[in-house]
Amino acid sequence: MTSNNNIPDSDQDLQLSKAYDKVVSGRIEPSQVEDTLFKLLQEAKAYQLESDRSIPVRDKEEARKSIFDQINPTEQKDVKTGSANIYTLSRKKWIWAAAAAALILFTSIFLLQQSSEIEPTLIADAGTSITTVTLQDGSNVTLRRNSQLYKNESSDQHLSYSLSGEALFEVTHNPDREFQVETSEGRVRVLGTTFNLSDRNSETKVYLIEGQIAFETADLNQSVTLTDGEGATIQDLQLSEPFQFEETNVTSWTQKRLTFSERSAGSIADELEFHFEIEIEMEESIRSEILGGSITLEDREQSLTDLEVVLGGNFVQDDKNRYRFQQ
């Protein structure tokens, strides 16, 4: 079958179509296209990418329908052949249609880029045992039981992770790349250091063992710079003053023990609840008792036995994962 093409090679629409095909196929750079409409679309794309990422964008199908609804339907000639509907457009309307199609394309790319950056990727789940993972930059992260680490972003200048639970971070020093860890209440920004970070019960705690970090609330309204041996907490988006701590008391969980000094029985019970995924009921008068010592974290029943000996009572098991302390 012979195909007749009556469109001259000099036709502006045909030239634009060929140029677009070359850009898409990678044969030429967008900057090499001289067409005014194409340059306008490129400028629109650049402007869109620089716009605030928080601006809501409608579903691409809804956007497509809205854009094409703006093209005056009265100037479209509806020609029906069998089950197909064919429309003819003037040069002016063709330009609008091309602009609309390009805008939909740019919007779709924008949405895909946005979603790929927002969705974190699970890279480590400690489950029922302490787990150590080596990150792409050589940093080591030791996750406590029932803790998860997610990757948010990775580039030559920036590494971003999210933590649920508790972990000990040993970050490889790199002055040219920022290392960041986010939690529900705040985030830690470092260049190279060792710190313990926990995120439980709407409270984020950080203990800096070596180096220097910036500790910020999630809304970025409060920030503090910590140095060796300093810790801080964030609860309900309120940042505490820095305080001193004993490293052994903070990192003993990595050796499957819980070591503490001048610590309330209630906070120790909270530790066991998180570590073994159980619930402990305890009178407030007992929770406020101040204790010092060390108990194992290898076995749930042994941990509870160690604690009940110190408190002078017994843990009664009400069901599989619920215990009640009584004297």
Protein backbone atom coordinates (compact mmCIF):
# COMPACT_ATOMS: atom_id res chain seq x y z
CA MET A 1 0.00 0.00 0.00
CA THR A 2 1.27 3.44 -0.96
CA SER A 3 1.07 6.20 1.61
CA ASN A 4 0.68 9.77 0.34
CA ASN A 5 2.09 12.49 2.53
CA ASN A 6 1.06 15.99 1.44
CA ILE A 7 2.76 17.76 4.37
CA PRO A 8 5.85 19.66 3.18
CA ASP A 9 9.13 19.10 5.03
CA SER A 10 9.18 22.80 5.96
CA ASP A 11 5.88 22.53 7.89
CA GLN A 12 6.38 23.96 11.39
CA ASP A 13 4.32 21.27 13.08
CA LEU A 14 6.23 18.51 11.32
CA GLN A 15 9.57 20.06 12.25
CA LEU A 16 8.53 20.28 15.91
CA SER A 17 7.40 16.65 15.86
CA LYS A 18 10.73 15.50 14.40
CA ALA A 19 12.70 17.59 16.89
CA TYR A 20 10.73 16.15 19.82
CA ASP A 21 11.41 12.62 18.52
CA LYS A 22 15.15 13.33 18.41
CA VAL A 23 15.14 14.66 21.99
CA VAL A 24 13.21 11.67 23.33
CA SER A 25 15.50 9.22 21.52
CA GLY A 26 18.59 11.04 22.87
CA ARG A 27 20.00 12.03 19.47
CA ILE A 28 20.04 15.74 20.36
CA GLU A 29 19.92 17.86 23.49
CA PRO A 30 16.79 19.95 24.26
CA SER A 31 18.92 23.12 24.01
CA GLN A 32 19.51 22.39 20.31
CA VAL A 33 15.83 22.79 19.43
CA GLU A 34 15.07 26.31 18.17
CA ASP A 35 11.24 26.02 18.08
CA THR A 36 9.59 28.71 20.23
CA LEU A 37 6.87 26.42 21.57
CA PHE A 38 9.41 23.77 22.56
CA LYS A 39 11.51 26.33 24.44
CA LEU A 40 8.37 27.57 26.21
CA LEU A 41 7.59 24.05 27.33
CA GLN A 42 11.16 23.57 28.54
CA GLU A 43 10.91 26.77 30.59
CA ALA A 44 7.60 25.59 32.01
CA LYS A 45 9.19 22.28 32.98
CA ALA A 46 12.12 24.01 34.70
CA TYR A 47 9.77 26.31 36.58
CA GLN A 48 7.65 23.39 37.72
CA LEU A 49 10.64 21.44 39.04
CA GLU A 50 11.77 24.49 41.04
CA SER A 51 8.32 25.02 42.57
CA ASP A 52 7.50 24.10 46.16
CA ARG A 53 7.29 20.31 46.43
CA SER A 54 4.42 20.62 48.92
CA ILE A 55 2.02 21.98 46.32
CA PRO A 56 -0.65 19.29 45.79
CA VAL A 57 -0.88 17.87 42.27
CA ARG A 58 -4.06 16.20 41.09
CA ASP A 59 -4.19 12.73 39.66
CA LYS A 60 -2.70 12.75 36.18
CA GLU A 61 -5.93 11.46 34.58
CA GLU A 62 -7.90 14.24 36.25
CA ALA A 63 -5.26 16.76 35.15
CA ARG A 64 -5.39 15.50 31.56
CA LYS A 65 -9.19 15.82 31.44
CA SER A 66 -9.12 19.29 32.95
CA ILE A 67 -6.49 20.53 30.49
CA PHE A 68 -8.22 19.18 27.42
CA ASP A 69 -11.53 20.57 28.65
CA GLN A 70 -9.92 23.99 28.28
CA ILE A 71 -9.54 23.42 24.53
CA ASN A 72 -12.72 24.87 23.01
CA PRO A 73 -14.79 21.87 21.92
CA THR A 74 -16.82 24.03 19.53
CA GLU A 75 -13.80 24.33 17.24
CA GLN A 76 -13.38 20.55 17.09
CA LYS A 77 -15.07 18.70 14.23
CA ASP A 78 -16.37 15.32 15.37
CA VAL A 79 -16.16 12.81 12.54
CA LYS A 80 -17.49 9.33 13.31
CA THR A 81 -16.23 6.34 11.34
CA GLY A 82 -17.55 3.09 12.71
CA SER A 83 -16.76 2.98 16.43
CA ALA A 84 -13.99 5.61 16.28
CA ASN A 85 -14.29 9.32 17.06
CA ILE A 86 -11.84 11.48 15.09
CA TYR A 87 -11.17 15.13 15.87
CA THR A 88 -9.54 17.75 13.67
CA LEU A 89 -7.74 20.67 15.24
CA SER A 90 -6.61 24.02 13.92
CA ARG A 91 -2.93 25.03 14.16
CA LYS A 92 -3.76 27.12 17.21
CA LYS A 93 -5.60 24.29 18.89
CA TRP A 94 -2.89 21.81 17.94
CA ILE A 95 -0.37 23.95 19.79
CA TRP A 96 -2.59 23.97 22.86
CA ALA A 97 -2.99 20.19 22.61
CA ALA A 98 0.78 19.71 22.30
CA ALA A 99 1.34 21.97 25.30
CA ALA A 100 -1.28 20.03 27.26
CA ALA A 101 0.32 16.69 26.39
CA ALA A 102 3.76 17.94 27.38
CA LEU A 103 2.41 19.35 30.64
CA ILE A 104 0.82 16.00 31.46
CA LEU A 105 4.14 14.28 30.71
CA PHE A 106 6.09 16.67 32.94
CA THR A 107 3.49 16.33 35.72
CA SER A 108 3.68 12.53 35.56
CA ILE A 109 7.48 12.64 35.77
CA PHE A 110 7.22 15.09 38.67
CA LEU A 111 4.82 12.78 40.54
CA LEU A 112 7.02 9.74 39.97
CA GLN A 113 10.10 11.59 41.20
CA GLN A 114 8.20 12.82 44.24
CA SER A 115 6.85 9.41 45.17
CA SER A 116 10.25 7.74 44.73
CA GLU A 117 11.84 10.21 47.15
CA ILE A 118 9.03 10.05 49.73
CA GLU A 119 8.73 6.27 50.00
CA PRO A 120 11.45 4.89 52.34
CA THR A 121 13.01 1.48 51.66
CA LEU A 122 13.34 -1.06 54.47
CA ILE A 123 16.97 -2.19 54.57
CA ALA A 124 17.14 -3.93 57.96
CA ASP A 125 14.62 -5.44 60.40
CA ALA A 126 16.09 -6.78 63.64
CA GLY A 127 13.09 -8.95 64.52
CA THR A 128 13.81 -11.02 67.63
CA SER A 129 17.60 -10.67 67.64
CA ILE A 130 20.22 -7.92 67.59
CA THR A 131 21.21 -7.26 63.97
CA THR A 132 24.22 -5.39 62.55
CA VAL A 133 24.13 -3.99 59.01
CA THR A 134 26.88 -2.24 57.02
CA LEU A 135 25.61 0.69 54.96
CA GLN A 136 26.81 1.68 51.49
CA ASP A 137 29.27 4.25 52.86
CA GLY A 138 30.85 1.73 55.25
CA SER A 139 28.96 2.92 58.33
CA ASN A 140 27.79 0.21 60.74
CA VAL A 141 24.37 0.17 62.41
CA THR A 142 23.54 -2.24 65.23
CA LEU A 143 19.77 -2.59 65.58
CA ARG A 144 18.16 -3.60 68.83
CA ARG A 145 15.41 -6.23 68.79
CA ASN A 146 12.12 -5.08 67.25
CA SER A 147 13.83 -2.18 65.44
CA GLN A 148 13.78 -1.23 61.76
CA LEU A 149 16.04 0.91 59.59
CA TYR A 150 14.83 2.54 56.36
CA LYS A 151 16.71 4.36 53.59
CA ASN A 152 15.12 7.65 52.50
CA GLU A 153 17.68 9.17 50.13
CA SER A 154 21.11 8.43 48.74
CA SER A 155 23.46 10.74 46.83
CA ASP A 156 27.12 11.79 46.76
CA GLN A 157 26.37 14.66 49.15
CA HIS A 158 23.57 13.25 51.30
CA LEU A 159 22.55 9.98 52.98
CA SER A 160 19.22 9.91 54.79
CA TYR A 161 17.73 7.10 56.90
CA SER A 162 14.75 6.60 59.22
CA LEU A 163 14.78 4.60 62.44
CA SER A 164 12.00 2.88 64.32
CA GLY A 165 13.12 1.43 67.65
CA GLU A 166 16.73 1.75 68.79
CA ALA A 167 20.15 1.46 67.19
CA LEU A 168 23.84 2.18 67.70
CA PHE A 169 25.32 4.11 64.74
CA GLU A 170 29.02 4.10 63.89
CA VAL A 171 29.20 6.56 61.01
CA THR A 172 32.15 6.64 58.63
CA HIS A 173 33.70 10.09 58.56
CA ASN A 174 33.19 11.92 55.27
CA PRO A 175 33.39 15.75 55.36
CA ASP A 176 31.87 15.95 51.88
CA ARG A 177 28.71 14.01 52.68
CA GLU A 178 26.03 14.59 55.31
CA PHE A 179 24.63 11.58 57.16
CA GLN A 180 21.12 12.02 58.54
CA VAL A 181 18.77 9.82 60.60
CA GLU A 182 15.12 10.73 61.10
CA THR A 183 12.65 9.57 63.76
CA SER A 184 9.04 10.42 64.53
CA GLU A 185 10.09 13.32 66.77
CA GLY A 186 13.34 14.62 65.30
CA ARG A 187 16.51 13.96 63.36
CA VAL A 188 20.26 13.69 63.79
CA ARG A 189 22.72 15.23 61.32
CA VAL A 190 26.38 14.14 61.38
CA LEU A 191 29.58 14.02 59.32
CA GLY A 192 31.21 11.12 61.16
CA THR A 193 30.53 9.92 64.71
CA THR A 194 29.16 7.23 67.03
CA PHE A 195 25.81 7.67 68.73
CA ASN A 196 22.91 5.68 70.17
CA LEU A 197 19.45 6.70 68.97
CA SER A 198 16.06 5.48 70.14
CA ASP A 199 12.51 6.29 69.08
CA ARG A 200 9.83 4.85 71.37
CA ASN A 201 6.59 6.00 72.97
CA SER A 202 6.61 9.34 71.11
CA GLU A 203 10.05 10.15 72.49
CA THR A 204 13.39 10.32 70.70
CA LYS A 205 16.61 10.03 72.68
CA VAL A 206 20.15 10.45 71.40
CA TYR A 207 23.39 9.73 73.24
CA LEU A 208 26.56 10.97 71.53
CA ILE A 209 29.49 8.69 72.24
CA GLU A 210 32.05 10.24 69.91
CA GLY A 211 32.12 13.18 67.49
CA GLN A 212 29.62 15.98 67.07
CA ILE A 213 26.00 16.03 65.92
CA ALA A 214 23.13 18.42 65.38
CA PHE A 215 19.93 17.19 67.05
CA GLU A 216 16.76 18.81 65.70
CA THR A 217 13.03 18.57 66.26
CA ALA A 218 10.98 17.23 63.34
CA ASP A 219 9.53 20.70 62.65
CA LEU A 220 13.11 22.13 62.69
CA ASN A 221 12.09 24.83 65.18
CA GLN A 222 14.58 23.70 67.84
CA SER A 223 18.13 22.44 67.53
CA VAL A 224 21.14 21.71 69.69
CA THR A 225 24.73 20.74 68.92
CA LEU A 226 26.00 17.86 71.07
CA THR A 227 29.60 16.85 71.78
CA ASP A 228 31.18 13.71 73.28
CA GLY A 229 29.31 12.34 76.29
CA GLU A 230 26.20 14.49 75.86
CA GLY A 231 22.63 13.34 75.31
CA ALA A 232 19.25 14.97 74.72
CA THR A 233 15.61 14.01 74.23
CA ILE A 234 12.70 15.22 72.12
CA GLN A 235 9.13 14.61 73.24
CA ASP A 236 6.05 16.30 71.80
CA LEU A 237 8.43 18.37 69.64
CA GLN A 238 10.11 19.78 72.77
CA LEU A 239 13.90 19.55 72.91
CA SER A 240 15.54 19.02 76.30
CA GLU A 241 18.72 20.60 77.55
CA PRO A 242 21.85 18.47 76.96
CA PHE A 243 22.81 16.09 79.79
CA GLN A 244 25.72 13.80 80.64
CA PHE A 245 25.44 9.99 80.60
CA GLU A 246 27.45 6.81 81.20
CA GLU A 247 28.21 4.99 77.96
CA THR A 248 27.89 1.53 79.53
CA ASN A 249 24.33 2.26 80.63
CA VAL A 250 23.39 3.30 77.09
CA THR A 251 25.06 0.63 74.96
CA SER A 252 24.88 -2.43 77.24
CA TRP A 253 21.93 -3.75 75.20
CA THR A 254 24.39 -4.53 72.40
CA GLN A 255 25.88 -7.12 74.80
CA LYS A 256 22.40 -8.48 75.62
CA ARG A 257 22.31 -6.86 79.04
CA LEU A 258 20.56 -3.90 80.58
CA THR A 259 22.88 -1.91 82.85
CA PHE A 260 21.55 1.01 84.88
CA SER A 261 22.34 3.35 87.77
CA GLU A 262 19.88 5.64 89.56
CA ARG A 263 17.11 4.60 87.20
CA SER A 264 13.42 4.15 88.00
CA ALA A 265 11.89 0.68 88.04
CA GLY A 266 9.22 2.00 85.68
CA SER A 267 11.76 2.96 83.01
CA ILE A 268 13.41 -0.46 83.35
CA ALA A 269 10.01 -2.11 82.90
CA ASP A 270 9.52 0.03 79.77
CA GLU A 271 12.82 -1.30 78.43
CA LEU A 272 11.69 -4.89 78.95
CA GLU A 273 8.32 -4.16 77.34
CA PHE A 274 10.01 -2.92 74.19
CA HIS A 275 12.73 -5.56 74.09
CA PHE A 276 10.43 -8.56 74.55
CA GLU A 277 7.20 -7.11 73.11
CA ILE A 278 5.27 -7.58 76.34
CA GLU A 279 3.10 -5.50 78.67
CA ILE A 280 3.96 -5.00 82.35
CA GLU A 281 1.47 -3.69 84.90
CA MET A 282 3.07 -2.14 87.94
CA GLU A 283 1.84 0.13 90.75
CA GLU A 284 3.10 3.70 90.50
CA SER A 285 4.77 3.43 93.92
CA ILE A 286 6.84 0.53 92.59
CA ARG A 287 7.57 2.24 89.26
CA SER A 288 9.09 5.23 91.09
CA GLU A 289 11.66 3.15 92.99
CA ILE A 290 15.25 4.01 92.00
CA LEU A 291 17.48 1.08 91.13
CA GLY A 292 21.04 0.30 90.06
CA GLY A 293 22.55 -2.86 88.65
CA SER A 294 22.36 -5.11 85.60
CA ILE A 295 19.97 -7.76 84.26
CA THR A 296 20.15 -10.07 81.28
CA LEU A 297 18.28 -9.41 78.03
CA GLU A 298 18.84 -12.88 76.57
CA ASP A 299 15.77 -14.53 78.08
CA ARG A 300 12.44 -12.93 78.98
CA GLU A 301 11.65 -15.07 82.02
CA GLN A 302 15.16 -14.67 83.41
CA SER A 303 14.98 -10.87 82.97
CA LEU A 304 11.70 -10.70 84.87
CA THR A 305 13.10 -12.98 87.60
CA ASP A 306 16.14 -10.73 88.01
CA LEU A 307 13.92 -7.67 88.35
CA GLU A 308 11.41 -9.22 90.76
CA VAL A 309 14.23 -10.27 93.11
CA VAL A 310 15.42 -6.65 93.32
CA LEU A 311 11.88 -5.31 93.81
CA GLY A 312 10.91 -7.96 96.34
CA GLY A 313 7.84 -9.37 94.61
CA ASN A 314 6.61 -11.54 91.75
CA PHE A 315 5.53 -11.13 88.16
CA VAL A 316 2.25 -12.90 87.52
CA GLN A 317 1.57 -13.84 83.91
CA ASP A 318 -2.00 -12.93 82.99
CA ASP A 319 -1.71 -14.13 79.39
CA LYS A 320 0.95 -14.85 76.78
CA ASN A 321 2.44 -11.34 76.67
CA ARG A 322 1.02 -9.58 79.73
CA TYR A 323 2.54 -9.55 83.22
CA ARG A 324 1.43 -7.99 86.51
CA PHE A 325 3.82 -7.24 89.36
CA GLN A 326 2.65 -7.89 92.90
CA GLN A 327 4.31 -7.82 96.32
